[in-house]
């Protein structure tokens, strides 16, 4: 499967964005084909989804949300660890970290696995 095919399954609203090709290109430039091997397209898709999510949903803010305010209302969140890995701030980035930690090529992820993981009956 190509990165756009994977994105269509795991993040449909991103797939229809006019910027999707740009995010895929950026992700390709940041992702090692040698390291990820057969999982390269999946890694590119996850990285692109993470970057899109961070830019659109999180409005460019990376890391964990620890404080937010609107007008006179303010809210602070506790229990935030010292982990500063930006990838852990989205489910897509967390999945990419898991893929990296699995050694990528050891845990061969197939397109059928991806489809089954994100599609519901």
N, C-alpha and C. Protein backbone atom coordinates (compact mmCIF):
# COMPACT_ATOMS: atom_id res chain seq x y z
N UNK A 1 0.84 -1.18 0.00
CA UNK A 1 0.00 0.00 0.00
C UNK A 1 0.89 1.25 0.00
N UNK A 2 0.39 2.29 -0.59
CA UNK A 2 1.10 3.56 -0.62
C UNK A 2 0.74 4.37 0.63
N UNK A 3 1.54 5.38 0.96
CA UNK A 3 1.19 6.21 2.12
C UNK A 3 -0.21 6.81 2.03
N UNK A 4 -0.62 7.29 0.85
CA UNK A 4 -1.96 7.90 0.74
C UNK A 4 -3.06 6.86 0.94
N UNK A 5 -2.84 5.63 0.49
CA UNK A 5 -3.84 4.57 0.72
C UNK A 5 -3.97 4.27 2.21
N UNK A 6 -2.85 4.25 2.90
CA UNK A 6 -2.87 4.00 4.35
C UNK A 6 -3.54 5.17 5.07
N UNK A 7 -3.20 6.39 4.69
CA UNK A 7 -3.81 7.58 5.31
C UNK A 7 -5.31 7.58 5.11
N UNK A 8 -5.77 7.17 3.94
CA UNK A 8 -7.21 7.10 3.67
C UNK A 8 -7.91 6.19 4.66
N UNK A 9 -7.23 5.15 5.11
CA UNK A 9 -7.81 4.21 6.07
C UNK A 9 -7.71 4.74 7.50
N UNK A 10 -6.54 5.24 7.90
CA UNK A 10 -6.33 5.57 9.31
C UNK A 10 -6.69 7.01 9.69
N UNK A 11 -6.78 7.91 8.70
CA UNK A 11 -7.09 9.32 8.99
C UNK A 11 -7.83 9.92 7.78
N UNK A 12 -9.07 9.47 7.55
CA UNK A 12 -9.81 9.86 6.34
C UNK A 12 -9.91 11.37 6.12
N UNK A 13 -10.06 12.15 7.17
CA UNK A 13 -10.20 13.60 6.97
C UNK A 13 -8.89 14.21 6.47
N UNK A 14 -7.78 13.62 6.79
CA UNK A 14 -6.50 14.11 6.27
C UNK A 14 -6.38 13.78 4.79
N UNK A 15 -6.85 12.62 4.41
CA UNK A 15 -6.73 12.17 3.02
C UNK A 15 -7.41 13.12 2.05
N UNK A 16 -8.42 13.85 2.50
CA UNK A 16 -9.13 14.77 1.63
C UNK A 16 -8.60 16.20 1.74
N UNK A 17 -7.60 16.42 2.56
CA UNK A 17 -7.01 17.75 2.73
C UNK A 17 -6.21 18.14 1.48
N UNK A 18 -6.25 19.41 1.14
CA UNK A 18 -5.46 19.87 -0.01
C UNK A 18 -3.96 19.82 0.25
N UNK A 19 -3.57 19.68 1.52
CA UNK A 19 -2.15 19.66 1.88
C UNK A 19 -1.57 18.26 2.08
N UNK A 20 -2.35 17.23 1.83
CA UNK A 20 -1.92 15.87 2.13
C UNK A 20 -0.62 15.51 1.40
N UNK A 21 -0.49 15.89 0.14
CA UNK A 21 0.74 15.54 -0.61
C UNK A 21 1.97 16.21 -0.01
N UNK A 22 1.82 17.42 0.48
CA UNK A 22 2.93 18.11 1.12
C UNK A 22 3.38 17.41 2.38
N UNK A 23 2.41 16.98 3.20
CA UNK A 23 2.76 16.26 4.43
C UNK A 23 3.43 14.92 4.11
N UNK A 24 2.97 14.24 3.08
CA UNK A 24 3.59 12.98 2.69
C UNK A 24 5.03 13.22 2.23
N UNK A 25 5.25 14.26 1.44
CA UNK A 25 6.61 14.58 0.98
C UNK A 25 7.52 14.90 2.16
N UNK A 26 7.04 15.71 3.09
CA UNK A 26 7.84 16.01 4.28
C UNK A 26 8.17 14.74 5.06
N UNK A 27 7.17 13.89 5.25
CA UNK A 27 7.37 12.64 5.99
C UNK A 27 8.36 11.72 5.28
N UNK A 28 8.29 11.66 3.95
CA UNK A 28 9.24 10.84 3.19
C UNK A 28 10.66 11.33 3.41
N UNK A 29 10.84 12.64 3.47
CA UNK A 29 12.17 13.20 3.66
C UNK A 29 12.72 12.96 5.06
N UNK A 30 11.85 12.62 6.01
CA UNK A 30 12.26 12.41 7.40
C UNK A 30 12.29 10.94 7.80
N UNK A 31 12.00 10.04 6.87
CA UNK A 31 11.83 8.62 7.19
C UNK A 31 12.81 7.78 6.39
N UNK A 32 13.51 6.89 7.08
CA UNK A 32 14.54 6.06 6.46
C UNK A 32 13.94 4.81 5.81
N UNK A 33 14.09 4.74 4.50
CA UNK A 33 13.64 3.53 3.78
C UNK A 33 14.46 2.32 4.21
N UNK A 34 15.75 2.54 4.50
CA UNK A 34 16.63 1.45 4.92
C UNK A 34 16.19 0.87 6.26
N UNK A 35 15.90 1.73 7.23
CA UNK A 35 15.51 1.26 8.55
C UNK A 35 14.16 0.57 8.53
N UNK A 36 13.17 1.17 7.86
CA UNK A 36 11.80 0.64 7.92
C UNK A 36 11.54 -0.47 6.91
N UNK A 37 12.34 -0.56 5.87
CA UNK A 37 12.19 -1.65 4.91
C UNK A 37 10.77 -1.76 4.38
N UNK A 38 10.16 -2.95 4.55
CA UNK A 38 8.82 -3.20 4.03
C UNK A 38 7.76 -2.34 4.72
N UNK A 39 8.09 -1.77 5.87
CA UNK A 39 7.14 -0.92 6.60
C UNK A 39 7.33 0.57 6.30
N UNK A 40 8.12 0.88 5.28
CA UNK A 40 8.41 2.27 4.96
C UNK A 40 7.14 3.08 4.70
N UNK A 41 6.24 2.59 3.88
CA UNK A 41 5.02 3.33 3.56
C UNK A 41 4.16 3.56 4.80
N UNK A 42 4.11 2.56 5.67
CA UNK A 42 3.34 2.69 6.91
C UNK A 42 3.99 3.76 7.80
N UNK A 43 5.31 3.74 7.90
CA UNK A 43 6.02 4.73 8.71
C UNK A 43 5.82 6.14 8.15
N UNK A 44 5.89 6.28 6.84
CA UNK A 44 5.66 7.59 6.21
C UNK A 44 4.24 8.07 6.50
N UNK A 45 3.28 7.19 6.37
CA UNK A 45 1.88 7.55 6.62
C UNK A 45 1.69 7.98 8.07
N UNK A 46 2.26 7.23 9.02
CA UNK A 46 2.12 7.59 10.43
C UNK A 46 2.77 8.93 10.73
N UNK A 47 3.96 9.17 10.17
CA UNK A 47 4.65 10.44 10.40
C UNK A 47 3.85 11.60 9.79
N UNK A 48 3.34 11.41 8.59
CA UNK A 48 2.54 12.45 7.94
C UNK A 48 1.27 12.74 8.74
N UNK A 49 0.62 11.70 9.22
CA UNK A 49 -0.60 11.88 10.03
C UNK A 49 -0.27 12.63 11.32
N UNK A 50 0.83 12.28 11.94
CA UNK A 50 1.24 12.95 13.18
C UNK A 50 1.48 14.44 12.91
N UNK A 51 2.20 14.74 11.85
CA UNK A 51 2.49 16.14 11.53
C UNK A 51 1.21 16.91 11.20
N UNK A 52 0.31 16.30 10.45
CA UNK A 52 -0.96 16.93 10.11
C UNK A 52 -1.79 17.18 11.37
N UNK A 53 -1.87 16.17 12.22
CA UNK A 53 -2.62 16.29 13.48
C UNK A 53 -2.06 17.41 14.33
N UNK A 54 -0.73 17.45 14.46
CA UNK A 54 -0.09 18.49 15.27
C UNK A 54 -0.37 19.88 14.70
N UNK A 55 -0.34 20.01 13.38
CA UNK A 55 -0.55 21.31 12.74
C UNK A 55 -2.00 21.76 12.74
N UNK A 56 -2.93 20.83 12.62
CA UNK A 56 -4.33 21.22 12.48
C UNK A 56 -5.12 21.09 13.78
N UNK A 57 -5.06 19.96 14.41
CA UNK A 57 -5.83 19.75 15.64
C UNK A 57 -5.17 20.45 16.82
N UNK A 58 -3.86 20.26 16.94
CA UNK A 58 -3.13 20.89 18.04
C UNK A 58 -2.68 22.30 17.70
N UNK A 59 -2.99 22.74 16.49
CA UNK A 59 -2.67 24.09 16.01
C UNK A 59 -1.19 24.43 16.17
N UNK A 60 -0.34 23.45 15.81
CA UNK A 60 1.09 23.66 15.81
C UNK A 60 1.77 23.42 17.14
N UNK A 61 1.00 23.15 18.18
CA UNK A 61 1.59 22.91 19.51
C UNK A 61 2.01 21.46 19.60
N UNK A 62 3.26 21.23 19.92
CA UNK A 62 3.73 19.86 20.08
C UNK A 62 3.83 19.54 21.56
N UNK A 63 4.04 18.29 21.87
CA UNK A 63 4.14 17.88 23.27
C UNK A 63 2.78 17.70 23.90
N UNK A 64 2.78 17.53 25.20
CA UNK A 64 1.55 17.29 25.92
C UNK A 64 0.86 18.60 26.27
N UNK A 65 -0.46 18.57 26.27
CA UNK A 65 -1.24 19.73 26.66
C UNK A 65 -1.24 19.81 28.18
N UNK A 66 -0.64 20.87 28.73
CA UNK A 66 -0.57 21.01 30.18
C UNK A 66 -1.40 22.16 30.70
N UNK A 67 -1.82 23.06 29.81
CA UNK A 67 -2.55 24.25 30.23
C UNK A 67 -3.35 24.77 29.05
N UNK A 68 -4.56 25.20 29.30
CA UNK A 68 -5.35 25.84 28.27
C UNK A 68 -6.22 26.90 28.90
N UNK A 69 -6.54 27.93 28.13
CA UNK A 69 -7.40 28.99 28.66
C UNK A 69 -8.24 29.57 27.53
N UNK A 70 -9.41 30.05 27.93
CA UNK A 70 -10.33 30.68 27.00
C UNK A 70 -11.04 31.78 27.76
N UNK A 71 -10.81 33.01 27.34
CA UNK A 71 -11.40 34.13 28.06
C UNK A 71 -10.88 34.19 29.47
N UNK A 72 -11.78 34.16 30.45
CA UNK A 72 -11.37 34.21 31.86
C UNK A 72 -11.23 32.82 32.47
N UNK A 73 -11.55 31.78 31.71
CA UNK A 73 -11.46 30.41 32.20
C UNK A 73 -10.09 29.83 31.87
N UNK A 74 -9.46 29.21 32.87
CA UNK A 74 -8.15 28.62 32.68
C UNK A 74 -8.14 27.23 33.31
N UNK A 75 -7.45 26.29 32.66
CA UNK A 75 -7.39 24.92 33.17
C UNK A 75 -5.95 24.43 33.07
N UNK A 76 -5.44 23.81 34.14
CA UNK A 76 -4.10 23.24 34.17
C UNK A 76 -4.23 21.75 34.43
N UNK A 77 -3.46 20.95 33.69
CA UNK A 77 -3.49 19.50 33.83
C UNK A 77 -2.24 19.03 34.56
N UNK A 78 -2.41 18.13 35.49
CA UNK A 78 -1.28 17.58 36.24
C UNK A 78 -0.94 16.19 35.75
N UNK A 79 0.05 15.60 36.39
CA UNK A 79 0.42 14.22 36.09
C UNK A 79 1.12 14.06 34.76
N UNK A 80 1.76 15.08 34.28
CA UNK A 80 2.45 15.00 32.99
C UNK A 80 3.89 14.61 33.24
N UNK A 81 4.31 13.58 32.55
CA UNK A 81 5.67 13.09 32.76
C UNK A 81 6.69 14.02 32.10
N UNK A 82 7.95 13.76 32.36
CA UNK A 82 9.02 14.57 31.80
C UNK A 82 9.38 14.18 30.38
N UNK A 83 8.64 13.28 29.76
CA UNK A 83 8.95 12.85 28.40
C UNK A 83 8.66 13.99 27.42
N UNK A 84 9.63 14.34 26.64
CA UNK A 84 9.47 15.45 25.71
C UNK A 84 9.44 14.98 24.26
N UNK A 85 9.27 13.68 24.02
CA UNK A 85 9.21 13.16 22.67
C UNK A 85 7.93 13.63 22.00
N UNK A 86 8.08 14.49 21.00
CA UNK A 86 6.94 15.05 20.28
C UNK A 86 6.05 13.97 19.68
N UNK A 87 6.62 12.86 19.24
CA UNK A 87 5.82 11.81 18.61
C UNK A 87 4.78 11.23 19.57
N UNK A 88 5.03 11.32 20.85
CA UNK A 88 4.09 10.75 21.82
C UNK A 88 2.88 11.64 22.06
N UNK A 89 2.81 12.78 21.39
CA UNK A 89 1.68 13.69 21.59
C UNK A 89 0.48 13.37 20.69
N UNK A 90 0.61 12.35 19.84
CA UNK A 90 -0.54 11.91 19.03
C UNK A 90 -0.53 10.39 18.95
N UNK A 91 -1.68 9.83 18.69
CA UNK A 91 -1.75 8.36 18.55
C UNK A 91 -0.95 7.89 17.34
N UNK A 92 -0.89 8.72 16.29
CA UNK A 92 -0.13 8.35 15.09
C UNK A 92 1.37 8.33 15.40
N UNK A 93 1.84 9.33 16.12
CA UNK A 93 3.24 9.38 16.52
C UNK A 93 3.59 8.24 17.46
N UNK A 94 2.67 7.92 18.38
CA UNK A 94 2.90 6.81 19.31
C UNK A 94 3.03 5.48 18.56
N UNK A 95 2.21 5.31 17.53
CA UNK A 95 2.30 4.09 16.73
C UNK A 95 3.63 4.05 15.97
N UNK A 96 4.10 5.21 15.52
CA UNK A 96 5.40 5.26 14.84
C UNK A 96 6.51 4.90 15.82
N UNK A 97 6.44 5.39 17.04
CA UNK A 97 7.44 5.04 18.07
C UNK A 97 7.42 3.53 18.30
N UNK A 98 6.23 2.94 18.39
CA UNK A 98 6.13 1.48 18.56
C UNK A 98 6.76 0.75 17.38
N UNK A 99 6.54 1.26 16.19
CA UNK A 99 7.13 0.64 14.99
C UNK A 99 8.65 0.75 15.03
N UNK A 100 9.14 1.91 15.44
CA UNK A 100 10.59 2.11 15.57
C UNK A 100 11.16 1.15 16.61
N UNK A 101 10.50 1.05 17.76
CA UNK A 101 10.99 0.19 18.84
C UNK A 101 10.89 -1.29 18.52
N UNK A 102 10.01 -1.65 17.60
CA UNK A 102 9.88 -3.06 17.22
C UNK A 102 11.02 -3.49 16.30
N UNK A 103 11.84 -2.54 15.90
CA UNK A 103 12.91 -2.85 14.96
C UNK A 103 12.37 -2.88 13.55
N UNK A 104 11.13 -2.47 13.38
CA UNK A 104 10.44 -2.33 12.11
C UNK A 104 10.44 -3.61 11.29
N UNK A 105 11.58 -4.01 10.79
CA UNK A 105 11.60 -5.15 9.87
C UNK A 105 11.37 -6.47 10.59
N UNK A 106 11.56 -6.51 11.90
CA UNK A 106 11.28 -7.73 12.65
C UNK A 106 9.78 -7.98 12.74
N UNK A 107 8.99 -6.91 12.87
CA UNK A 107 7.55 -7.05 13.01
C UNK A 107 6.86 -6.71 11.71
N UNK A 108 7.01 -7.56 10.73
CA UNK A 108 6.50 -7.27 9.39
C UNK A 108 5.01 -6.94 9.44
N UNK A 109 4.69 -5.73 9.08
CA UNK A 109 3.31 -5.28 9.07
C UNK A 109 2.85 -5.26 7.63
N UNK A 110 1.80 -5.99 7.35
CA UNK A 110 1.31 -6.08 5.99
C UNK A 110 0.13 -5.14 5.79
N UNK A 111 -0.21 -4.90 4.54
CA UNK A 111 -1.35 -4.04 4.25
C UNK A 111 -2.64 -4.64 4.78
N UNK A 112 -2.76 -5.95 4.79
CA UNK A 112 -3.95 -6.60 5.34
C UNK A 112 -4.05 -6.31 6.83
N UNK A 113 -2.92 -6.36 7.55
CA UNK A 113 -2.90 -6.04 8.97
C UNK A 113 -3.37 -4.60 9.20
N UNK A 114 -2.88 -3.69 8.38
CA UNK A 114 -3.25 -2.28 8.53
C UNK A 114 -4.75 -2.11 8.31
N UNK A 115 -5.28 -2.73 7.27
CA UNK A 115 -6.70 -2.62 7.00
C UNK A 115 -7.52 -3.19 8.16
N UNK A 116 -7.12 -4.33 8.68
CA UNK A 116 -7.85 -4.94 9.78
C UNK A 116 -7.74 -4.14 11.06
N UNK A 117 -6.63 -3.45 11.24
CA UNK A 117 -6.41 -2.67 12.43
C UNK A 117 -7.32 -1.46 12.51
N UNK A 118 -7.61 -0.83 11.39
CA UNK A 118 -8.34 0.43 11.39
C UNK A 118 -9.75 0.36 10.84
N UNK A 119 -10.14 -0.73 10.24
CA UNK A 119 -11.49 -0.85 9.71
C UNK A 119 -12.38 -1.58 10.69
N UNK A 120 -13.59 -1.12 10.84
CA UNK A 120 -14.56 -1.79 11.69
C UNK A 120 -15.63 -2.41 10.79
N UNK A 121 -16.23 -3.44 11.29
CA UNK A 121 -17.26 -4.10 10.50
C UNK A 121 -18.58 -3.40 10.61
